[in-house]
PDB file of N, CA and C in Angstrom:
ATOM      1  N   MET A   1      43.841 -48.375  61.510  1.00  0.00           N
ATOM      2  CA  MET A   1      43.582 -46.964  61.303  1.00  0.00           C
ATOM      3  C   MET A   1      42.084 -46.769  61.080  1.00  0.00           C
ATOM      4  N   LYS A   2      41.472 -45.935  61.877  1.00  0.00           N
ATOM      5  CA  LYS A   2      40.042 -45.675  61.755  1.00  0.00           C
ATOM      6  C   LYS A   2      39.818 -44.363  61.005  1.00  0.00           C
ATOM      7  N   VAL A   3      38.982 -44.420  59.981  1.00  0.00           N
ATOM      8  CA  VAL A   3      38.728 -43.275  59.115  1.00  0.00           C
ATOM      9  C   VAL A   3      37.222 -43.039  59.048  1.00  0.00           C
ATOM     10  N   PRO A   4      36.762 -41.770  59.120  1.00  0.00           N
ATOM     11  CA  PRO A   4      35.328 -41.510  58.982  1.00  0.00           C
ATOM     12  C   PRO A   4      34.854 -41.740  57.549  1.00  0.00           C
ATOM     13  N   LYS A   5      33.591 -42.197  57.417  1.00  0.00           N
ATOM     14  CA  LYS A   5      33.023 -42.455  56.092  1.00  0.00           C
ATOM     15  C   LYS A   5      32.803 -41.162  55.321  1.00  0.00           C
ATOM     16  N   GLU A   6      32.525 -40.078  56.048  1.00  0.00           N
ATOM     17  CA  GLU A   6      32.316 -38.775  55.418  1.00  0.00           C
ATOM     18  C   GLU A   6      33.178 -37.735  56.119  1.00  0.00           C
ATOM     19  N   LYS A   7      33.760 -36.848  55.325  1.00  0.00           N
ATOM     20  CA  LYS A   7      34.683 -35.868  55.873  1.00  0.00           C
ATOM     21  C   LYS A   7      34.468 -34.530  55.173  1.00  0.00           C
ATOM     22  N   LYS A   8      34.591 -33.441  55.915  1.00  0.00           N
ATOM     23  CA  LYS A   8      34.469 -32.120  55.302  1.00  0.00           C
ATOM     24  C   LYS A   8      35.849 -31.697  54.795  1.00  0.00           C
ATOM     25  N   ARG A   9      35.932 -31.508  53.478  1.00  0.00           N
ATOM     26  CA  ARG A   9      37.201 -31.162  52.833  1.00  0.00           C
ATOM     27  C   ARG A   9      36.973 -30.080  51.786  1.00  0.00           C
ATOM     28  N   HIS A  10      38.081 -29.530  51.301  1.00  0.00           N
ATOM     29  CA  HIS A  10      37.990 -28.535  50.239  1.00  0.00           C
ATOM     30  C   HIS A  10      37.852 -29.247  48.908  1.00  0.00           C
ATOM     31  N   CYS A  11      36.814 -28.879  48.159  1.00  0.00           N
ATOM     32  CA  CYS A  11      36.595 -29.450  46.831  1.00  0.00           C
ATOM     33  C   CYS A  11      37.261 -28.548  45.793  1.00  0.00           C
ATOM     34  N   PRO A  12      38.216 -29.077  45.005  1.00  0.00           N
ATOM     35  CA  PRO A  12      38.890 -28.244  44.014  1.00  0.00           C
ATOM     36  C   PRO A  12      37.987 -27.846  42.847  1.00  0.00           C
ATOM     37  N   PHE A  13      36.863 -28.550  42.687  1.00  0.00           N
ATOM     38  CA  PHE A  13      35.939 -28.254  41.592  1.00  0.00           C
ATOM     39  C   PHE A  13      34.905 -27.206  42.012  1.00  0.00           C
ATOM     40  N   CYS A  14      34.359 -27.373  43.239  1.00  0.00           N
ATOM     41  CA  CYS A  14      33.385 -26.396  43.758  1.00  0.00           C
ATOM     42  C   CYS A  14      34.080 -25.140  44.285  1.00  0.00           C
ATOM     43  N   LYS A  15      35.363 -25.257  44.593  1.00  0.00           N
ATOM     44  CA  LYS A  15      36.184 -24.183  45.174  1.00  0.00           C
ATOM     45  C   LYS A  15      35.688 -23.758  46.565  1.00  0.00           C
ATOM     46  N   LYS A  16      35.129 -24.728  47.323  1.00  0.00           N
ATOM     47  CA  LYS A  16      34.705 -24.445  48.690  1.00  0.00           C
ATOM     48  C   LYS A  16      34.709 -25.738  49.508  1.00  0.00           C
ATOM     49  N   HIS A  17      34.551 -25.607  50.806  1.00  0.00           N
ATOM     50  CA  HIS A  17      34.533 -26.771  51.684  1.00  0.00           C
ATOM     51  C   HIS A  17      33.153 -27.427  51.657  1.00  0.00           C
ATOM     52  N   THR A  18      33.152 -28.725  51.314  1.00  0.00           N
ATOM     53  CA  THR A  18      31.910 -29.490  51.284  1.00  0.00           C
ATOM     54  C   THR A  18      32.150 -30.853  51.912  1.00  0.00           C
ATOM     55  N   ASN A  19      31.073 -31.576  52.169  1.00  0.00           N
ATOM     56  CA  ASN A  19      31.203 -32.943  52.681  1.00  0.00           C
ATOM     57  C   ASN A  19      31.646 -33.866  51.552  1.00  0.00           C
ATOM     58  N   HIS A  20      32.567 -34.766  51.883  1.00  0.00           N
ATOM     59  CA  HIS A  20      33.085 -35.717  50.909  1.00  0.00           C
ATOM     60  C   HIS A  20      32.907 -37.140  51.427  1.00  0.00           C
ATOM     61  N   LYS A  21      32.543 -38.033  50.517  1.00  0.00           N
ATOM     62  CA  LYS A  21      32.466 -39.446  50.847  1.00  0.00           C
ATOM     63  C   LYS A  21      33.864 -40.036  50.658  1.00  0.00           C
ATOM     64  N   VAL A  22      34.344 -40.790  51.644  1.00  0.00           N
ATOM     65  CA  VAL A  22      35.701 -41.328  51.600  1.00  0.00           C
ATOM     66  C   VAL A  22      35.638 -42.796  51.222  1.00  0.00           C
ATOM     67  N   GLU A  23      36.433 -43.192  50.240  1.00  0.00           N
ATOM     68  CA  GLU A  23      36.539 -44.611  49.909  1.00  0.00           C
ATOM     69  C   GLU A  23      37.991 -44.952  49.623  1.00  0.00           C
ATOM     70  N   LEU A  24      38.322 -46.202  49.818  1.00  0.00           N
ATOM     71  CA  LEU A  24      39.694 -46.672  49.660  1.00  0.00           C
ATOM     72  C   LEU A  24      39.817 -47.397  48.336  1.00  0.00           C
ATOM     73  N   SER A  25      40.819 -47.045  47.540  1.00  0.00           N
ATOM     74  CA  SER A  25      41.051 -47.772  46.300  1.00  0.00           C
ATOM     75  C   SER A  25      42.445 -48.370  46.361  1.00  0.00           C
ATOM     76  N   LYS A  26      42.704 -49.298  45.487  1.00  0.00           N
ATOM     77  CA  LYS A  26      43.980 -49.995  45.511  1.00  0.00           C
ATOM     78  C   LYS A  26      45.083 -49.065  45.007  1.00  0.00           C
ATOM     79  N   LYS A  27      46.149 -48.976  45.758  1.00  0.00           N
ATOM     80  CA  LYS A  27      47.269 -48.113  45.396  1.00  0.00           C
ATOM     81  C   LYS A  27      48.002 -48.706  44.203  1.00  0.00           C
ATOM     82  N   ARG A  28      48.206 -47.888  43.182  1.00  0.00           N
ATOM     83  CA  ARG A  28      48.941 -48.353  42.018  1.00  0.00           C
ATOM     84  C   ARG A  28      50.429 -48.099  42.218  1.00  0.00           C
ATOM     85  N   THR A  29      51.235 -49.061  41.873  1.00  0.00           N
ATOM     86  CA  THR A  29      52.674 -48.909  42.020  1.00  0.00           C
ATOM     87  C   THR A  29      53.209 -48.061  40.870  1.00  0.00           C
ATOM     88  N   VAL A  30      54.463 -47.668  40.969  1.00  0.00           N
ATOM     89  CA  VAL A  30      55.084 -46.828  39.942  1.00  0.00           C
ATOM     90  C   VAL A  30      55.094 -47.562  38.610  1.00  0.00           C
ATOM     91  N   SER A  31      55.369 -48.872  38.646  1.00  0.00           N
ATOM     92  CA  SER A  31      55.471 -49.630  37.397  1.00  0.00           C
ATOM     93  C   SER A  31      54.127 -49.792  36.711  1.00  0.00           C
ATOM     94  N   THR A  32      53.014 -49.810  37.472  1.00  0.00           N
ATOM     95  CA  THR A  32      51.703 -49.945  36.830  1.00  0.00           C
ATOM     96  C   THR A  32      51.138 -48.588  36.420  1.00  0.00           C
ATOM     97  N   ALA A  33      51.403 -47.559  37.202  1.00  0.00           N
ATOM     98  CA  ALA A  33      50.864 -46.237  36.893  1.00  0.00           C
ATOM     99  C   ALA A  33      51.587 -45.605  35.707  1.00  0.00           C
ATOM    100  N   HIS A  34      52.916 -45.675  35.715  1.00  0.00           N
ATOM    101  CA  HIS A  34      53.736 -45.100  34.642  1.00  0.00           C
ATOM    102  C   HIS A  34      54.776 -46.130  34.238  1.00  0.00           C
ATOM    103  N   PRO A  35      54.436 -47.055  33.359  1.00  0.00           N
ATOM    104  CA  PRO A  35      55.318 -48.181  33.078  1.00  0.00           C
ATOM    105  C   PRO A  35      56.690 -47.818  32.522  1.00  0.00           C
ATOM    106  N   LEU A  36      56.778 -46.739  31.764  1.00  0.00           N
ATOM    107  CA  LEU A  36      58.075 -46.405  31.157  1.00  0.00           C
ATOM    108  C   LEU A  36      58.780 -45.247  31.840  1.00  0.00           C
ATOM    109  N   SER A  37      58.264 -44.784  32.984  1.00  0.00           N
ATOM    110  CA  SER A  37      58.805 -43.576  33.584  1.00  0.00           C
ATOM    111  C   SER A  37      60.147 -43.791  34.263  1.00  0.00           C
ATOM    112  N   ARG A  38      60.308 -44.902  34.965  1.00  0.00           N
ATOM    113  CA  ARG A  38      61.591 -45.124  35.631  1.00  0.00           C
ATOM    114  C   ARG A  38      61.930 -46.595  35.613  1.00  0.00           C
ATOM    115  N   GLY A  39      63.094 -46.934  36.100  1.00  0.00           N
ATOM    116  CA  GLY A  39      63.523 -48.321  36.081  1.00  0.00           C
ATOM    117  C   GLY A  39      64.911 -48.396  35.507  1.00  0.00           C
ATOM    118  N   GLY A  40      65.410 -49.579  35.324  1.00  0.00           N
ATOM    119  CA  GLY A  40      66.795 -49.766  34.905  1.00  0.00           C
ATOM    120  C   GLY A  40      66.995 -49.734  33.416  1.00  0.00           C
ATOM    121  N   LYS A  41      67.919 -50.553  33.001  1.00  0.00           N
ATOM    122  CA  LYS A  41      68.391 -50.582  31.629  1.00  0.00           C
ATOM    123  C   LYS A  41      67.289 -50.967  30.641  1.00  0.00           C
ATOM    124  N   ILE A  42      66.432 -51.917  31.032  1.00  0.00           N
ATOM    125  CA  ILE A  42      65.416 -52.437  30.115  1.00  0.00           C
ATOM    126  C   ILE A  42      64.423 -51.351  29.725  1.00  0.00           C
ATOM    127  N   ARG A  43      63.889 -50.633  30.726  1.00  0.00           N
ATOM    128  CA  ARG A  43      62.897 -49.602  30.429  1.00  0.00           C
ATOM    129  C   ARG A  43      63.538 -48.426  29.704  1.00  0.00           C
ATOM    130  N   ALA A  44      64.780 -48.116  30.058  1.00  0.00           N
ATOM    131  CA  ALA A  44      65.479 -47.022  29.379  1.00  0.00           C
ATOM    132  C   ALA A  44      65.717 -47.384  27.916  1.00  0.00           C
ATOM    133  N   LYS A  45      65.981 -48.665  27.661  1.00  0.00           N
ATOM    134  CA  LYS A  45      66.152 -49.127  26.284  1.00  0.00           C
ATOM    135  C   LYS A  45      64.842 -49.033  25.517  1.00  0.00           C
ATOM    136  N   LEU A  46      63.739 -49.388  26.192  1.00  0.00           N
ATOM    137  CA  LEU A  46      62.414 -49.310  25.565  1.00  0.00           C
ATOM    138  C   LEU A  46      62.070 -47.872  25.190  1.00  0.00           C
ATOM    139  N   ARG A  47      62.513 -46.922  26.012  1.00  0.00           N
ATOM    140  CA  ARG A  47      62.265 -45.514  25.724  1.00  0.00           C
ATOM    141  C   ARG A  47      63.173 -45.003  24.615  1.00  0.00           C
ATOM    142  N   GLY A  48      64.205 -45.779  24.275  1.00  0.00           N
ATOM    143  CA  GLY A  48      65.145 -45.361  23.234  1.00  0.00           C
ATOM    144  C   GLY A  48      66.153 -44.363  23.733  1.00  0.00           C
ATOM    145  N   ARG A  49      66.578 -44.528  24.983  1.00  0.00           N
ATOM    146  CA  ARG A  49      67.511 -43.564  25.572  1.00  0.00           C
ATOM    147  C   ARG A  49      68.958 -43.786  25.130  1.00  0.00           C
ATOM    148  N   PHE A  50      69.296 -45.026  24.832  1.00  0.00           N
ATOM    149  CA  PHE A  50      70.713 -45.334  24.665  1.00  0.00           C
ATOM    150  C   PHE A  50      71.139 -45.358  23.202  1.00  0.00           C
ATOM    151  N   GLY A  51      72.348 -44.864  22.971  1.00  0.00           N
ATOM    152  CA  GLY A  51      72.985 -44.978  21.661  1.00  0.00           C
ATOM    153  C   GLY A  51      74.150 -45.937  21.791  1.00  0.00           C
ATOM    154  N   SER A  52      75.300 -45.572  21.212  1.00  0.00           N
ATOM    155  CA  SER A  52      76.473 -46.415  21.348  1.00  0.00           C
ATOM    156  C   SER A  52      77.362 -45.836  22.450  1.00  0.00           C
ATOM    157  N   GLY A  53      78.314 -46.631  22.900  1.00  0.00           N
ATOM    158  CA  GLY A  53      79.243 -46.158  23.917  1.00  0.00           C
ATOM    159  C   GLY A  53      78.988 -46.786  25.271  1.00  0.00           C
ATOM    160  N   ASN A  54      79.764 -46.360  26.253  1.00  0.00           N
ATOM    161  CA  ASN A  54      79.662 -46.909  27.599  1.00  0.00           C
ATOM    162  C   ASN A  54      78.320 -46.521  28.212  1.00  0.00           C
ATOM    163  N   LYS A  55      77.703 -47.461  28.862  1.00  0.00           N
ATOM    164  CA  LYS A  55      76.383 -47.216  29.428  1.00  0.00           C
ATOM    165  C   LYS A  55      76.449 -46.658  30.853  1.00  0.00           C
ATOM    166  N   GLY A  56      77.629 -46.359  31.353  1.00  0.00           N
ATOM    167  CA  GLY A  56      77.774 -45.768  32.683  1.00  0.00           C
ATOM    168  C   GLY A  56      77.332 -46.716  33.776  1.00  0.00           C
ATOM    169  N   ARG A  57      76.521 -46.228  34.679  1.00  0.00           N
ATOM    170  CA  ARG A  57      76.105 -47.054  35.814  1.00  0.00           C
ATOM    171  C   ARG A  57      75.156 -48.171  35.387  1.00  0.00           C
ATOM    172  N   TYR A  58      74.565 -48.068  34.203  1.00  0.00           N
ATOM    173  CA  TYR A  58      73.645 -49.105  33.743  1.00  0.00           C
ATOM    174  C   TYR A  58      74.381 -50.343  33.242  1.00  0.00           C
ATOM    175  N   SER A  59      75.677 -50.210  32.946  1.00  0.00           N
ATOM    176  CA  SER A  59      76.428 -51.357  32.446  1.00  0.00           C
ATOM    177  C   SER A  59      77.051 -52.157  33.583  1.00  0.00           C
ATOM    178  N   LYS A  60      76.937 -51.672  34.810  1.00  0.00           N
ATOM    179  CA  LYS A  60      77.492 -52.381  35.964  1.00  0.00           C
ATOM    180  C   LYS A  60      76.554 -53.522  36.372  1.00  0.00           C
ATOM    181  N   PRO A  61      77.073 -54.562  37.002  1.00  0.00           N
ATOM    182  CA  PRO A  61      76.216 -55.667  37.446  1.00  0.00           C
ATOM    183  C   PRO A  61      75.265 -55.214  38.553  1.00  0.00           C
ATOM    184  N   PRO A  62      74.098 -55.848  38.652  1.00  0.00           N
ATOM    185  CA  PRO A  62      73.119 -55.417  39.658  1.00  0.00           C
ATOM    186  C   PRO A  62      73.562 -55.714  41.078  1.00  0.00           C
ATOM    187  N   GLY A  63      72.937 -55.035  42.041  1.00  0.00           N
ATOM    188  CA  GLY A  63      73.245 -55.260  43.454  1.00  0.00           C
ATOM    189  C   GLY A  63      74.237 -54.236  43.964  1.00  0.00           C
ATOM    190  N   GLY A  64      74.398 -54.234  45.275  1.00  0.00           N
ATOM    191  CA  GLY A  64      75.373 -53.334  45.886  1.00  0.00           C
ATOM    192  C   GLY A  64      74.737 -52.248  46.705  1.00  0.00           C
ATOM    193  N   GLY A  65      74.554 -52.491  47.998  1.00  0.00           N
ATOM    194  CA  GLY A  65      74.087 -51.471  48.918  1.00  0.00           C
ATOM    195  C   GLY A  65      72.610 -51.157  48.862  1.00  0.00           C
ATOM    196  N   LYS A  66      71.822 -52.043  48.303  1.00  0.00           N
ATOM    197  CA  LYS A  66      70.398 -51.774  48.236  1.00  0.00           C
ATOM    198  C   LYS A  66      69.662 -52.619  49.271  1.00  0.00           C
ATOM    199  N   MET A  67      68.702 -52.005  49.952  1.00  0.00           N
ATOM    200  CA  MET A  67      67.941 -52.738  50.959  1.00  0.00           C
ATOM    201  C   MET A  67      67.036 -53.755  50.281  1.00  0.00           C
ATOM    202  N   THR A  68      66.947 -54.925  50.879  1.00  0.00           N
ATOM    203  CA  THR A  68      66.071 -55.957  50.332  1.00  0.00           C
ATOM    204  C   THR A  68      64.981 -56.271  51.331  1.00  0.00           C
ATOM    205  N   GLY A  69      63.971 -56.973  50.874  1.00  0.00           N
ATOM    206  CA  GLY A  69      62.877 -57.350  51.764  1.00  0.00           C
ATOM    207  C   GLY A  69      61.612 -56.583  51.450  1.00  0.00           C
ATOM    208  N   LYS A  70      60.516 -57.115  51.948  1.00  0.00           N
ATOM    209  CA  LYS A  70      59.208 -56.532  51.659  1.00  0.00           C
ATOM    210  C   LYS A  70      58.802 -55.590  52.775  1.00  0.00           C
ATOM    211  N   LYS A  71      58.083 -54.532  52.423  1.00  0.00           N
ATOM    212  CA  LYS A  71      57.558 -53.628  53.447  1.00  0.00           C
ATOM    213  C   LYS A  71      56.368 -54.290  54.121  1.00  0.00           C
ATOM    214  N   GLN A  72      56.137 -53.933  55.374  1.00  0.00           N
ATOM    215  CA  GLN A  72      55.062 -54.542  56.158  1.00  0.00           C
ATOM    216  C   GLN A  72      53.692 -54.002  55.754  1.00  0.00           C
ATOM    217  N   THR A  73      53.647 -52.759  55.310  1.00  0.00           N
ATOM    218  CA  THR A  73      52.368 -52.112  55.031  1.00  0.00           C
ATOM    219  C   THR A  73      52.372 -51.469  53.660  1.00  0.00           C
ATOM    220  N   LYS A  74      51.180 -51.116  53.176  1.00  0.00           N
ATOM    221  CA  LYS A  74      51.047 -50.349  51.935  1.00  0.00           C
ATOM    222  C   LYS A  74      50.512 -48.975  52.284  1.00  0.00           C
ATOM    223  N   LYS A  75      50.762 -48.014  51.415  1.00  0.00           N
ATOM    224  CA  LYS A  75      50.243 -46.674  51.663  1.00  0.00           C
ATOM    225  C   LYS A  75      48.768 -46.626  51.276  1.00  0.00           C
ATOM    226  N   THR A  76      48.002 -45.865  52.049  1.00  0.00           N
ATOM    227  CA  THR A  76      46.578 -45.751  51.779  1.00  0.00           C
ATOM    228  C   THR A  76      46.349 -44.857  50.562  1.00  0.00           C
ATOM    229  N   ASP A  77      45.296 -45.165  49.813  1.00  0.00           N
ATOM    230  CA  ASP A  77      44.956 -44.379  48.636  1.00  0.00           C
ATOM    231  C   ASP A  77      43.478 -44.025  48.735  1.00  0.00           C
ATOM    232  N   PHE A  78      43.177 -42.908  49.395  1.00  0.00           N
ATOM    233  CA  PHE A  78      41.798 -42.516  49.604  1.00  0.00           C
ATOM    234  C   PHE A  78      41.287 -41.687  48.433  1.00  0.00           C
ATOM    235  N   ARG A  79      40.045 -41.972  48.024  1.00  0.00           N
ATOM    236  CA  ARG A  79      39.363 -41.171  47.006  1.00  0.00           C
ATOM    237  C   ARG A  79      38.255 -40.404  47.709  1.00  0.00           C
ATOM    238  N   TYR A  80      38.210 -39.129  47.480  1.00  0.00           N
ATOM    239  CA  TYR A  80      37.197 -38.287  48.101  1.00  0.00           C
ATOM    240  C   TYR A  80      36.200 -37.836  47.036  1.00  0.00           C
ATOM    241  N   THR A  81      34.919 -38.196  47.226  1.00  0.00           N
ATOM    242  CA  THR A  81      33.865 -37.823  46.286  1.00  0.00           C
ATOM    243  C   THR A  81      33.010 -36.734  46.910  1.00  0.00           C
ATOM    244  N   CYS A  82      32.918 -35.598  46.232  1.00  0.00           N
ATOM    245  CA  CYS A  82      32.144 -34.466  46.721  1.00  0.00           C
ATOM    246  C   CYS A  82      30.653 -34.804  46.652  1.00  0.00           C
ATOM    247  N   THR A  83      29.913 -34.490  47.722  1.00  0.00           N
ATOM    248  CA  THR A  83      28.483 -34.780  47.749  1.00  0.00           C
ATOM    249  C   THR A  83      27.675 -33.748  46.965  1.00  0.00           C
ATOM    250  N   VAL A  84      28.278 -32.603  46.657  1.00  0.00           N
ATOM    251  CA  VAL A  84      27.576 -31.542  45.928  1.00  0.00           C
ATOM    252  C   VAL A  84      27.721 -31.737  44.410  1.00  0.00           C
ATOM    253  N   CYS A  85      28.964 -31.779  43.935  1.00  0.00           N
ATOM    254  CA  CYS A  85      29.181 -31.881  42.488  1.00  0.00           C
ATOM    255  C   CYS A  85      29.442 -33.312  42.014  1.00  0.00           C
ATOM    256  N   LYS A  86      29.564 -34.261  42.942  1.00  0.00           N
ATOM    257  CA  LYS A  86      29.766 -35.697  42.654  1.00  0.00           C
ATOM    258  C   LYS A  86      31.083 -35.991  41.931  1.00  0.00           C
ATOM    259  N   LYS A  87      32.031 -35.060  41.993  1.00  0.00           N
ATOM    260  CA  LYS A  87      33.331 -35.309  41.379  1.00  0.00           C
ATOM    261  C   LYS A  87      34.295 -35.822  42.431  1.00  0.00           C
ATOM    262  N   ALA A  88      35.217 -36.678  42.005  1.00  0.00           N
ATOM    263  CA  ALA A  88      36.147 -37.298  42.945  1.00  0.00           C
ATOM    264  C   ALA A  88      37.553 -36.766  42.733  1.00  0.00           C
ATOM    265  N   HIS A  89      38.300 -36.655  43.820  1.00  0.00           N
ATOM    266  CA  HIS A  89      39.721 -36.344  43.743  1.00  0.00           C
ATOM    267  C   HIS A  89      40.446 -37.199  44.769  1.00  0.00           C
ATOM    268  N   ILE A  90      41.775 -37.278  44.638  1.00  0.00           N
ATOM    269  CA  ILE A  90      42.546 -38.166  45.495  1.00  0.00           C
ATOM    270  C   ILE A  90      43.387 -37.364  46.467  1.00  0.00           C
ATOM    271  N   GLN A  91      43.884 -38.077  47.498  1.00  0.00           N
ATOM    272  CA  GLN A  91      44.787 -37.447  48.456  1.00  0.00           C
ATOM    273  C   GLN A  91      46.149 -37.282  47.803  1.00  0.00           C
ATOM    274  N   ASN A  92      46.953 -36.361  48.322  1.00  0.00           N
ATOM    275  CA  ASN A  92      48.259 -36.146  47.708  1.00  0.00           C
ATOM    276  C   ASN A  92      49.320 -37.130  48.191  1.00  0.00           C
ATOM    277  N   SER A  93      49.235 -37.596  49.426  1.00  0.00           N
ATOM    278  CA  SER A  93      50.191 -38.608  49.878  1.00  0.00           C
ATOM    279  C   SER A  93      49.528 -39.494  50.908  1.00  0.00           C
ATOM    280  N   GLY A  94      49.803 -40.779  50.818  1.00  0.00           N
ATOM    281  CA  GLY A  94      49.159 -41.751  51.701  1.00  0.00           C
ATOM    282  C   GLY A  94      49.900 -41.926  53.008  1.00  0.00           C
ATOM    283  N   ILE A  95      49.196 -42.527  53.976  1.00  0.00           N
ATOM    284  CA  ILE A  95      49.773 -42.864  55.266  1.00  0.00           C
ATOM    285  C   ILE A  95      49.900 -44.376  55.311  1.00  0.00           C
ATOM    286  N   ARG A  96      50.992 -44.877  55.823  1.00  0.00           N
ATOM    287  CA  ARG A  96      51.171 -46.322  55.910  1.00  0.00           C
ATOM    288  C   ARG A  96      50.262 -46.889  56.992  1.00  0.00           C
ATOM    289  N   ALA A  97      49.473 -47.887  56.603  1.00  0.00           N
ATOM    290  CA  ALA A  97      48.575 -48.537  57.560  1.00  0.00           C
ATOM    291  C   ALA A  97      48.372 -49.980  57.148  1.00  0.00           C
ATOM    292  N   LYS A  98      48.334 -50.859  58.152  1.00  0.00           N
ATOM    293  CA  LYS A  98      48.097 -52.274  57.875  1.00  0.00           C
ATOM    294  C   LYS A  98      46.637 -52.518  57.558  1.00  0.00           C
ATOM    295  N   LYS A  99      45.755 -51.883  58.332  1.00  0.00           N
ATOM    296  CA  LYS A  99      44.328 -52.127  58.171  1.00  0.00           C
ATOM    297  C   LYS A  99      43.593 -50.797  58.247  1.00  0.00           C
ATOM    298  N   VAL A 100      42.642 -50.591  57.351  1.00  0.00           N
ATOM    299  CA  VAL A 100      41.838 -49.366  57.350  1.00  0.00           C
ATOM    300  C   VAL A 100      40.403 -49.734  57.653  1.00  0.00           C
ATOM    301  N   GLU A 101      39.833 -49.038  58.629  1.00  0.00           N
ATOM    302  CA  GLU A 101      38.454 -49.310  59.033  1.00  0.00           C
ATOM    303  C   GLU A 101      37.659 -48.015  58.925  1.00  0.00           C
ATOM    304  N   PHE A 102      36.530 -48.086  58.228  1.00  0.00           N
ATOM    305  CA  PHE A 102      35.672 -46.906  58.082  1.00  0.00           C
ATOM    306  C   PHE A 102      34.614 -46.902  59.160  1.00  0.00           C
ATOM    307  N   ILE A 103      34.486 -45.750  59.841  1.00  0.00           N
ATOM    308  CA  ILE A 103      33.513 -45.626  60.910  1.00  0.00           C
ATOM    309  C   ILE A 103      32.566 -44.465  60.612  1.00  0.00           C
ATOM    310  N   ALA A 104      31.318 -44.598  61.051  1.00  0.00           N
ATOM    311  CA  ALA A 104      30.332 -43.532  60.854  1.00  0.00           C
ATOM    312  C   ALA A 104      30.314 -42.640  62.071  1.00  0.00           C
ATOM    313  N   TYR A 105      30.352 -41.341  61.828  1.00  0.00           N
ATOM    314  CA  TYR A 105      30.310 -40.396  62.943  1.00  0.00           C
ATOM    315  C   TYR A 105      28.904 -39.950  63.215  1.00  0.00           C
TER     316      TYR A 105
END
């Protein structure tokens, strides 16, 4: 995937379209970004969700209809730095790409 080093985008801080410097940062997974936000029985226990009684689907043994295997690619995580106010913001959703190459226009 070829990406320009500089791109004209809307800056949420300047409230207008300005040139932005594009850089790639490492995508954080759900477990690293929000460690207690989701997950199975262990994280729910850490949050103090459970009392006494049947644990419902959490008390069942693991497995059953879930896809296994590793994905071939990771989602891109671009950071856009405004050249006017020097503030950075991120993209809202990444595109899957094996390799990202920055090109100068």
